Amino acid sequence: MRPIFVIAALIPIAAATPALAAQGQDCPASLTVQAQPDSPGGWSPYPGRDSHSFAGISIVEGDRASQMTSAAPATLAPDREARRGRSIVQVWEFSGTRRENVFLVCRYRNTQATLAADLPRQIRRCTLTLEADILGTVLDDPKTPPLLDCR
């Protein structure tokens, strides 16, 4: 079997970029991905379009272009994590002056395609709320999508 190459539709992030600095940072609720199959001899490839729902985030420090092509990007762990009922709340704090660029990577279910945008310097905190089961394990297929709030 040959690999399927995936191209993410980046129009939502490009269109939203000016508004991000004014109202905080939000990942689009879904991502449309166009798949172009690589066909073996004798087969005809037919591309497909799929929509993938928001799954979560990574916050990365450093140059976005080099970090996104790195095998091990400098992903920042949350500064704190708390369980609230059937939710897990993760918080990243950005106080003081940042020496490095910090950017947000939006991840989506059932695809390796992502969206990334620099976090404006005035953003001081990002909070991600994820649905969990009764034992506190984050659900793979939650009834409510993750909630991201960056201010």
N, C-alpha and C. Protein backbone atom coordinates (compact mmCIF):
# COMPACT_ATOMS: atom_id res chain seq x y z
N MET A 1 0.85 -1.18 0.00
CA MET A 1 0.00 0.00 0.00
C MET A 1 0.89 1.24 0.00
N ARG A 2 0.53 2.22 -0.78
CA ARG A 2 1.31 3.45 -0.86
C ARG A 2 0.70 4.50 0.06
N PRO A 3 1.50 5.47 0.52
CA PRO A 3 0.99 6.48 1.44
C PRO A 3 0.03 7.45 0.76
N ILE A 4 -0.82 8.05 1.57
CA ILE A 4 -1.72 9.10 1.10
C ILE A 4 -1.15 10.41 1.60
N PHE A 5 -0.95 11.35 0.69
CA PHE A 5 -0.43 12.66 1.06
C PHE A 5 -1.58 13.55 1.45
N VAL A 6 -1.43 14.27 2.55
CA VAL A 6 -2.50 15.11 3.07
C VAL A 6 -2.08 16.57 2.99
N ILE A 7 -2.99 17.40 2.47
CA ILE A 7 -2.75 18.84 2.39
C ILE A 7 -3.84 19.52 3.20
N ALA A 8 -3.47 20.28 4.22
CA ALA A 8 -4.46 20.97 5.06
C ALA A 8 -4.92 22.24 4.37
N ALA A 9 -6.22 22.52 4.48
CA ALA A 9 -6.76 23.77 3.96
C ALA A 9 -6.45 24.86 4.97
N LEU A 10 -5.54 25.77 4.63
CA LEU A 10 -5.08 26.78 5.58
C LEU A 10 -5.85 28.08 5.48
N ILE A 11 -6.87 28.14 4.67
CA ILE A 11 -7.65 29.37 4.51
C ILE A 11 -8.24 29.86 5.83
N PRO A 12 -8.81 28.98 6.70
CA PRO A 12 -9.39 29.50 7.94
C PRO A 12 -8.39 30.24 8.81
N ILE A 13 -7.15 29.75 8.93
CA ILE A 13 -6.20 30.42 9.80
C ILE A 13 -5.71 31.72 9.17
N ALA A 14 -5.52 31.74 7.87
CA ALA A 14 -5.07 32.96 7.21
C ALA A 14 -6.13 34.04 7.31
N ALA A 15 -7.38 33.69 7.14
CA ALA A 15 -8.46 34.67 7.22
C ALA A 15 -8.66 35.17 8.64
N ALA A 16 -8.33 34.33 9.62
CA ALA A 16 -8.60 34.71 11.01
C ALA A 16 -7.45 35.46 11.66
N THR A 17 -6.27 35.43 11.10
CA THR A 17 -5.08 35.97 11.75
C THR A 17 -5.22 37.40 12.26
N PRO A 18 -5.74 38.40 11.50
CA PRO A 18 -5.85 39.75 12.04
C PRO A 18 -6.74 39.82 13.28
N ALA A 19 -7.78 39.03 13.32
CA ALA A 19 -8.70 39.07 14.46
C ALA A 19 -8.12 38.39 15.68
N LEU A 20 -7.15 37.49 15.51
CA LEU A 20 -6.60 36.75 16.63
C LEU A 20 -5.97 37.66 17.66
N ALA A 21 -5.21 38.63 17.22
CA ALA A 21 -4.53 39.52 18.16
C ALA A 21 -5.53 40.36 18.94
N ALA A 22 -6.66 40.69 18.34
CA ALA A 22 -7.64 41.55 18.99
C ALA A 22 -8.49 40.81 20.00
N GLN A 23 -8.85 39.57 19.73
CA GLN A 23 -9.81 38.89 20.61
C GLN A 23 -9.28 37.60 21.22
N GLY A 24 -7.99 37.37 21.21
CA GLY A 24 -7.47 36.13 21.76
C GLY A 24 -7.28 35.11 20.65
N GLN A 25 -6.98 33.88 21.03
CA GLN A 25 -6.65 32.84 20.06
C GLN A 25 -7.67 31.73 20.14
N ASP A 26 -8.19 31.33 19.00
CA ASP A 26 -9.12 30.21 18.93
C ASP A 26 -8.75 29.30 17.78
N CYS A 27 -8.84 28.01 18.00
CA CYS A 27 -8.66 27.06 16.91
C CYS A 27 -9.99 26.90 16.20
N PRO A 28 -9.99 26.78 14.87
CA PRO A 28 -11.25 26.49 14.18
C PRO A 28 -11.85 25.19 14.70
N ALA A 29 -13.17 25.10 14.74
CA ALA A 29 -13.86 23.93 15.26
C ALA A 29 -13.61 22.68 14.42
N SER A 30 -13.31 22.87 13.15
CA SER A 30 -13.02 21.72 12.29
C SER A 30 -11.99 22.13 11.24
N LEU A 31 -11.41 21.13 10.62
CA LEU A 31 -10.39 21.33 9.61
C LEU A 31 -10.76 20.49 8.40
N THR A 32 -10.82 21.10 7.23
CA THR A 32 -11.05 20.36 6.00
C THR A 32 -9.71 19.99 5.41
N VAL A 33 -9.55 18.73 5.12
CA VAL A 33 -8.29 18.21 4.59
C VAL A 33 -8.57 17.57 3.23
N GLN A 34 -7.71 17.87 2.28
CA GLN A 34 -7.82 17.25 0.96
C GLN A 34 -6.73 16.19 0.86
N ALA A 35 -7.14 14.97 0.59
CA ALA A 35 -6.19 13.86 0.46
C ALA A 35 -5.99 13.53 -1.01
N GLN A 36 -4.74 13.46 -1.43
CA GLN A 36 -4.39 13.09 -2.80
C GLN A 36 -3.65 11.76 -2.73
N PRO A 37 -4.32 10.66 -3.07
CA PRO A 37 -3.64 9.36 -2.97
C PRO A 37 -2.52 9.22 -3.99
N ASP A 38 -1.48 8.53 -3.58
CA ASP A 38 -0.38 8.17 -4.46
C ASP A 38 -0.74 6.79 -5.00
N SER A 39 -0.96 6.67 -6.30
CA SER A 39 -1.51 5.43 -6.85
C SER A 39 -0.43 4.48 -7.34
N PRO A 40 -0.57 3.19 -7.00
CA PRO A 40 0.34 2.20 -7.55
C PRO A 40 0.00 1.94 -9.01
N GLY A 41 0.90 1.32 -9.74
CA GLY A 41 0.69 1.04 -11.15
C GLY A 41 -0.64 0.35 -11.41
N GLY A 42 -1.35 0.82 -12.43
CA GLY A 42 -2.63 0.21 -12.80
C GLY A 42 -3.83 0.79 -12.08
N TRP A 43 -3.63 1.66 -11.12
CA TRP A 43 -4.73 2.25 -10.36
C TRP A 43 -4.83 3.73 -10.69
N SER A 44 -6.03 4.27 -10.65
CA SER A 44 -6.25 5.70 -10.87
C SER A 44 -6.56 6.36 -9.55
N PRO A 45 -5.83 7.41 -9.18
CA PRO A 45 -6.09 8.08 -7.90
C PRO A 45 -7.27 9.05 -8.01
N TYR A 46 -8.07 9.11 -6.96
CA TYR A 46 -9.17 10.07 -6.86
C TYR A 46 -9.07 10.75 -5.50
N PRO A 47 -8.88 12.08 -5.50
CA PRO A 47 -8.72 12.79 -4.22
C PRO A 47 -10.01 12.80 -3.42
N GLY A 48 -9.86 13.03 -2.14
CA GLY A 48 -11.02 13.12 -1.25
C GLY A 48 -10.89 14.32 -0.34
N ARG A 49 -12.03 14.77 0.17
CA ARG A 49 -12.05 15.87 1.15
C ARG A 49 -12.73 15.34 2.40
N ASP A 50 -12.11 15.57 3.53
CA ASP A 50 -12.65 15.12 4.80
C ASP A 50 -12.63 16.28 5.79
N SER A 51 -13.61 16.28 6.68
CA SER A 51 -13.66 17.28 7.75
C SER A 51 -13.30 16.58 9.06
N HIS A 52 -12.44 17.21 9.84
CA HIS A 52 -11.97 16.64 11.09
C HIS A 52 -12.25 17.62 12.22
N SER A 53 -12.80 17.12 13.33
CA SER A 53 -13.15 18.00 14.45
C SER A 53 -11.93 18.28 15.32
N PHE A 54 -11.98 19.42 15.98
CA PHE A 54 -10.93 19.89 16.88
C PHE A 54 -10.69 18.87 17.99
N ALA A 55 -9.42 18.53 18.24
CA ALA A 55 -9.09 17.53 19.25
C ALA A 55 -8.30 18.11 20.42
N GLY A 56 -7.51 19.15 20.18
CA GLY A 56 -6.69 19.69 21.25
C GLY A 56 -5.59 20.56 20.68
N ILE A 57 -4.66 20.92 21.55
CA ILE A 57 -3.60 21.85 21.15
C ILE A 57 -2.24 21.35 21.62
N SER A 58 -1.24 21.93 21.03
CA SER A 58 0.12 21.88 21.56
C SER A 58 0.59 23.33 21.54
N ILE A 59 1.37 23.70 22.52
CA ILE A 59 1.98 25.02 22.53
C ILE A 59 3.48 24.78 22.42
N VAL A 60 4.08 25.44 21.43
CA VAL A 60 5.47 25.18 21.09
C VAL A 60 6.26 26.48 21.17
N GLU A 61 7.50 26.37 21.60
CA GLU A 61 8.38 27.53 21.72
C GLU A 61 9.49 27.44 20.68
N GLY A 62 9.77 28.56 20.01
CA GLY A 62 10.86 28.60 19.03
C GLY A 62 10.37 29.09 17.68
N ASP A 63 11.22 28.98 16.69
CA ASP A 63 10.89 29.40 15.34
C ASP A 63 9.87 28.43 14.76
N ARG A 64 8.72 28.96 14.34
CA ARG A 64 7.63 28.10 13.88
C ARG A 64 8.03 27.24 12.69
N ALA A 65 8.71 27.83 11.69
CA ALA A 65 9.08 27.07 10.49
C ALA A 65 9.98 25.88 10.83
N SER A 66 10.98 26.09 11.66
CA SER A 66 11.89 24.98 11.99
C SER A 66 11.26 24.00 12.98
N GLN A 67 10.48 24.48 13.92
CA GLN A 67 9.85 23.59 14.90
C GLN A 67 8.81 22.67 14.25
N MET A 68 8.06 23.19 13.26
CA MET A 68 7.02 22.37 12.63
C MET A 68 7.60 21.28 11.73
N THR A 69 8.86 21.41 11.33
CA THR A 69 9.49 20.37 10.53
C THR A 69 10.40 19.48 11.38
N SER A 70 10.52 19.79 12.64
CA SER A 70 11.38 19.03 13.55
C SER A 70 10.69 17.73 13.98
N ALA A 71 11.49 16.68 14.17
CA ALA A 71 10.96 15.41 14.66
C ALA A 71 10.53 15.53 16.13
N ALA A 72 11.14 16.44 16.86
CA ALA A 72 10.82 16.63 18.28
C ALA A 72 10.70 18.12 18.58
N PRO A 73 9.54 18.73 18.24
CA PRO A 73 9.38 20.16 18.52
C PRO A 73 9.41 20.45 20.03
N ALA A 74 9.78 21.69 20.37
CA ALA A 74 9.90 22.11 21.77
C ALA A 74 8.51 22.42 22.35
N THR A 75 7.74 21.36 22.56
CA THR A 75 6.37 21.49 23.09
C THR A 75 6.43 21.83 24.57
N LEU A 76 5.64 22.83 24.97
CA LEU A 76 5.59 23.25 26.37
C LEU A 76 4.53 22.45 27.11
N ALA A 77 4.88 21.93 28.26
CA ALA A 77 3.90 21.23 29.11
C ALA A 77 3.04 22.28 29.79
N PRO A 78 1.79 21.94 30.13
CA PRO A 78 0.97 22.90 30.88
C PRO A 78 1.64 23.24 32.21
N ASP A 79 1.46 24.48 32.67
CA ASP A 79 2.00 24.88 33.96
C ASP A 79 1.24 24.23 35.10
N ARG A 80 -0.03 23.95 34.85
CA ARG A 80 -0.82 23.21 35.84
C ARG A 80 -1.98 22.52 35.14
N GLU A 81 -2.46 21.49 35.81
CA GLU A 81 -3.58 20.71 35.30
C GLU A 81 -4.45 20.35 36.49
N ALA A 82 -5.77 20.47 36.33
CA ALA A 82 -6.69 20.16 37.42
C ALA A 82 -7.89 19.39 36.87
N ARG A 83 -8.40 18.55 37.71
CA ARG A 83 -9.62 17.82 37.36
C ARG A 83 -10.80 18.55 37.99
N ARG A 84 -11.79 18.85 37.17
CA ARG A 84 -13.02 19.51 37.67
C ARG A 84 -14.20 18.69 37.19
N GLY A 85 -14.73 17.85 38.07
CA GLY A 85 -15.85 16.99 37.68
C GLY A 85 -15.41 16.06 36.57
N ARG A 86 -16.11 16.15 35.44
CA ARG A 86 -15.78 15.32 34.28
C ARG A 86 -14.96 16.09 33.25
N SER A 87 -14.14 17.00 33.72
CA SER A 87 -13.27 17.79 32.84
C SER A 87 -11.85 17.81 33.38
N ILE A 88 -10.91 17.90 32.46
CA ILE A 88 -9.51 18.15 32.79
C ILE A 88 -9.20 19.55 32.26
N VAL A 89 -8.67 20.40 33.12
CA VAL A 89 -8.34 21.77 32.73
C VAL A 89 -6.83 21.93 32.75
N GLN A 90 -6.27 22.30 31.61
CA GLN A 90 -4.83 22.53 31.49
C GLN A 90 -4.59 24.02 31.28
N VAL A 91 -3.57 24.56 31.97
CA VAL A 91 -3.29 25.99 31.90
C VAL A 91 -1.82 26.23 31.59
N TRP A 92 -1.58 27.08 30.60
CA TRP A 92 -0.23 27.55 30.26
C TRP A 92 -0.17 29.03 30.60
N GLU A 93 0.83 29.45 31.35
CA GLU A 93 1.01 30.85 31.75
C GLU A 93 2.21 31.44 31.00
N PHE A 94 2.05 32.67 30.53
CA PHE A 94 3.13 33.37 29.83
C PHE A 94 3.32 34.73 30.50
N SER A 95 4.09 34.75 31.57
CA SER A 95 4.30 36.02 32.28
C SER A 95 5.69 36.55 31.93
N GLY A 96 5.83 37.85 32.03
CA GLY A 96 7.11 38.47 31.73
C GLY A 96 7.39 38.50 30.23
N THR A 97 8.60 38.83 29.89
CA THR A 97 8.98 38.92 28.48
C THR A 97 9.41 37.55 27.98
N ARG A 98 8.94 37.23 26.79
CA ARG A 98 9.32 35.96 26.18
C ARG A 98 10.60 36.14 25.39
N ARG A 99 11.54 35.25 25.61
CA ARG A 99 12.79 35.28 24.84
C ARG A 99 12.59 34.64 23.48
N GLU A 100 11.75 33.64 23.42
CA GLU A 100 11.50 32.90 22.18
C GLU A 100 10.06 33.14 21.72
N ASN A 101 9.83 32.91 20.44
CA ASN A 101 8.48 32.94 19.90
C ASN A 101 7.71 31.75 20.47
N VAL A 102 6.43 31.95 20.75
CA VAL A 102 5.56 30.88 21.22
C VAL A 102 4.40 30.80 20.24
N PHE A 103 4.07 29.58 19.81
CA PHE A 103 2.96 29.44 18.88
C PHE A 103 2.06 28.28 19.26
N LEU A 104 0.85 28.38 18.78
CA LEU A 104 -0.22 27.42 19.07
C LEU A 104 -0.38 26.49 17.88
N VAL A 105 -0.46 25.19 18.15
CA VAL A 105 -0.72 24.19 17.12
C VAL A 105 -2.07 23.57 17.43
N CYS A 106 -3.01 23.72 16.50
CA CYS A 106 -4.34 23.13 16.66
C CYS A 106 -4.32 21.74 16.05
N ARG A 107 -4.73 20.75 16.86
CA ARG A 107 -4.75 19.36 16.39
C ARG A 107 -6.19 18.92 16.16
N TYR A 108 -6.37 18.00 15.22
CA TYR A 108 -7.70 17.55 14.80
C TYR A 108 -7.76 16.03 14.78
N ARG A 109 -8.95 15.50 15.03
CA ARG A 109 -9.15 14.05 15.11
C ARG A 109 -8.88 13.35 13.78
N ASN A 110 -8.24 12.20 13.87
CA ASN A 110 -8.04 11.29 12.74
C ASN A 110 -7.29 11.91 11.55
N THR A 111 -6.37 12.81 11.82
CA THR A 111 -5.52 13.37 10.78
C THR A 111 -4.22 13.86 11.41
N GLN A 112 -3.17 13.85 10.62
CA GLN A 112 -1.90 14.42 11.07
C GLN A 112 -1.80 15.88 10.68
N ALA A 113 -2.75 16.36 9.88
CA ALA A 113 -2.75 17.76 9.47
C ALA A 113 -3.06 18.65 10.68
N THR A 114 -2.38 19.78 10.77
CA THR A 114 -2.57 20.71 11.88
C THR A 114 -2.63 22.13 11.34
N LEU A 115 -3.01 23.06 12.20
CA LEU A 115 -2.93 24.49 11.92
C LEU A 115 -2.04 25.10 12.99
N ALA A 116 -1.26 26.10 12.64
CA ALA A 116 -0.38 26.74 13.62
C ALA A 116 -0.43 28.25 13.44
N ALA A 117 -0.35 28.98 14.55
CA ALA A 117 -0.31 30.44 14.51
C ALA A 117 0.50 30.93 15.71
N ASP A 118 1.25 31.99 15.50
CA ASP A 118 2.00 32.60 16.60
C ASP A 118 1.03 33.14 17.63
N LEU A 119 1.39 33.00 18.90
CA LEU A 119 0.60 33.62 19.97
C LEU A 119 1.04 35.07 20.09
N PRO A 120 0.12 36.00 19.96
CA PRO A 120 0.49 37.41 20.13
C PRO A 120 1.14 37.62 21.51
N ARG A 121 2.07 38.53 21.59
CA ARG A 121 2.81 38.76 22.83
C ARG A 121 1.92 39.19 23.99
N GLN A 122 0.74 39.78 23.71
CA GLN A 122 -0.13 40.20 24.80
C GLN A 122 -0.91 39.03 25.43
N ILE A 123 -0.86 37.84 24.82
CA ILE A 123 -1.51 36.66 25.41
C ILE A 123 -0.71 36.26 26.63
N ARG A 124 -1.38 36.16 27.77
CA ARG A 124 -0.72 35.82 29.04
C ARG A 124 -1.08 34.43 29.55
N ARG A 125 -2.18 33.86 29.03
CA ARG A 125 -2.63 32.56 29.54
C ARG A 125 -3.46 31.85 28.49
N CYS A 126 -3.25 30.55 28.36
CA CYS A 126 -4.12 29.70 27.55
C CYS A 126 -4.65 28.59 28.45
N THR A 127 -5.95 28.36 28.35
CA THR A 127 -6.62 27.33 29.13
C THR A 127 -7.33 26.40 28.17
N LEU A 128 -7.11 25.10 28.34
CA LEU A 128 -7.77 24.09 27.52
C LEU A 128 -8.57 23.20 28.45
N THR A 129 -9.86 23.06 28.17
CA THR A 129 -10.75 22.20 28.96
C THR A 129 -11.14 21.01 28.11
N LEU A 130 -10.85 19.81 28.61
CA LEU A 130 -11.11 18.57 27.90
C LEU A 130 -12.11 17.72 28.68
N GLU A 131 -12.99 17.03 27.97
CA GLU A 131 -13.96 16.15 28.62
C GLU A 131 -13.26 14.87 29.06
N ALA A 132 -13.58 14.41 30.27
CA ALA A 132 -12.97 13.20 30.83
C ALA A 132 -14.06 12.24 31.30
N ASP A 133 -13.65 10.99 31.51
CA ASP A 133 -14.59 10.02 32.07
C ASP A 133 -14.58 10.13 33.60
N ILE A 134 -15.30 9.29 34.25
CA ILE A 134 -15.45 9.36 35.71
C ILE A 134 -14.11 9.13 36.43
N LEU A 135 -13.17 8.44 35.77
CA LEU A 135 -11.86 8.20 36.36
C LEU A 135 -10.86 9.32 36.08
N GLY A 136 -11.26 10.29 35.25
CA GLY A 136 -10.38 11.41 34.93
C GLY A 136 -9.54 11.20 33.68
N THR A 137 -9.88 10.18 32.89
CA THR A 137 -9.17 9.93 31.63
C THR A 137 -9.82 10.75 30.53
N VAL A 138 -9.01 11.49 29.78
CA VAL A 138 -9.54 12.31 28.68
C VAL A 138 -10.16 11.39 27.63
N LEU A 139 -11.37 11.74 27.19
CA LEU A 139 -12.09 10.93 26.22
C LEU A 139 -11.55 11.12 24.81
N ASP A 140 -11.41 10.03 24.07
CA ASP A 140 -10.96 10.10 22.68
C ASP A 140 -12.03 10.68 21.77
N ASP A 141 -13.28 10.41 22.07
CA ASP A 141 -14.40 10.88 21.25
C ASP A 141 -15.43 11.55 22.17
N PRO A 142 -15.14 12.77 22.65
CA PRO A 142 -16.02 13.43 23.62
C PRO A 142 -17.33 13.91 22.99
N LYS A 143 -18.35 14.06 23.85
CA LYS A 143 -19.63 14.60 23.38
C LYS A 143 -19.53 16.10 23.16
N THR A 144 -18.68 16.76 23.94
CA THR A 144 -18.46 18.20 23.77
C THR A 144 -17.02 18.42 23.32
N PRO A 145 -16.83 19.32 22.36
CA PRO A 145 -15.46 19.55 21.87
C PRO A 145 -14.60 20.24 22.94
N PRO A 146 -13.29 20.09 22.85
CA PRO A 146 -12.41 20.80 23.78
C PRO A 146 -12.66 22.30 23.70
N LEU A 147 -12.50 22.99 24.81
CA LEU A 147 -12.70 24.42 24.88
C LEU A 147 -11.38 25.12 25.12
N LEU A 148 -10.99 25.97 24.20
CA LEU A 148 -9.72 26.71 24.30
C LEU A 148 -10.01 28.17 24.57
N ASP A 149 -9.28 28.74 25.54
CA ASP A 149 -9.41 30.16 25.85
C ASP A 149 -8.02 30.74 26.07
N CYS A 150 -7.57 31.58 25.15
CA CYS A 150 -6.28 32.25 25.29
C CYS A 150 -6.53 33.75 25.41
N ARG A 151 -5.97 34.38 26.46
CA ARG A 151 -6.16 35.81 26.71
C ARG A 151 -4.84 36.48 27.08
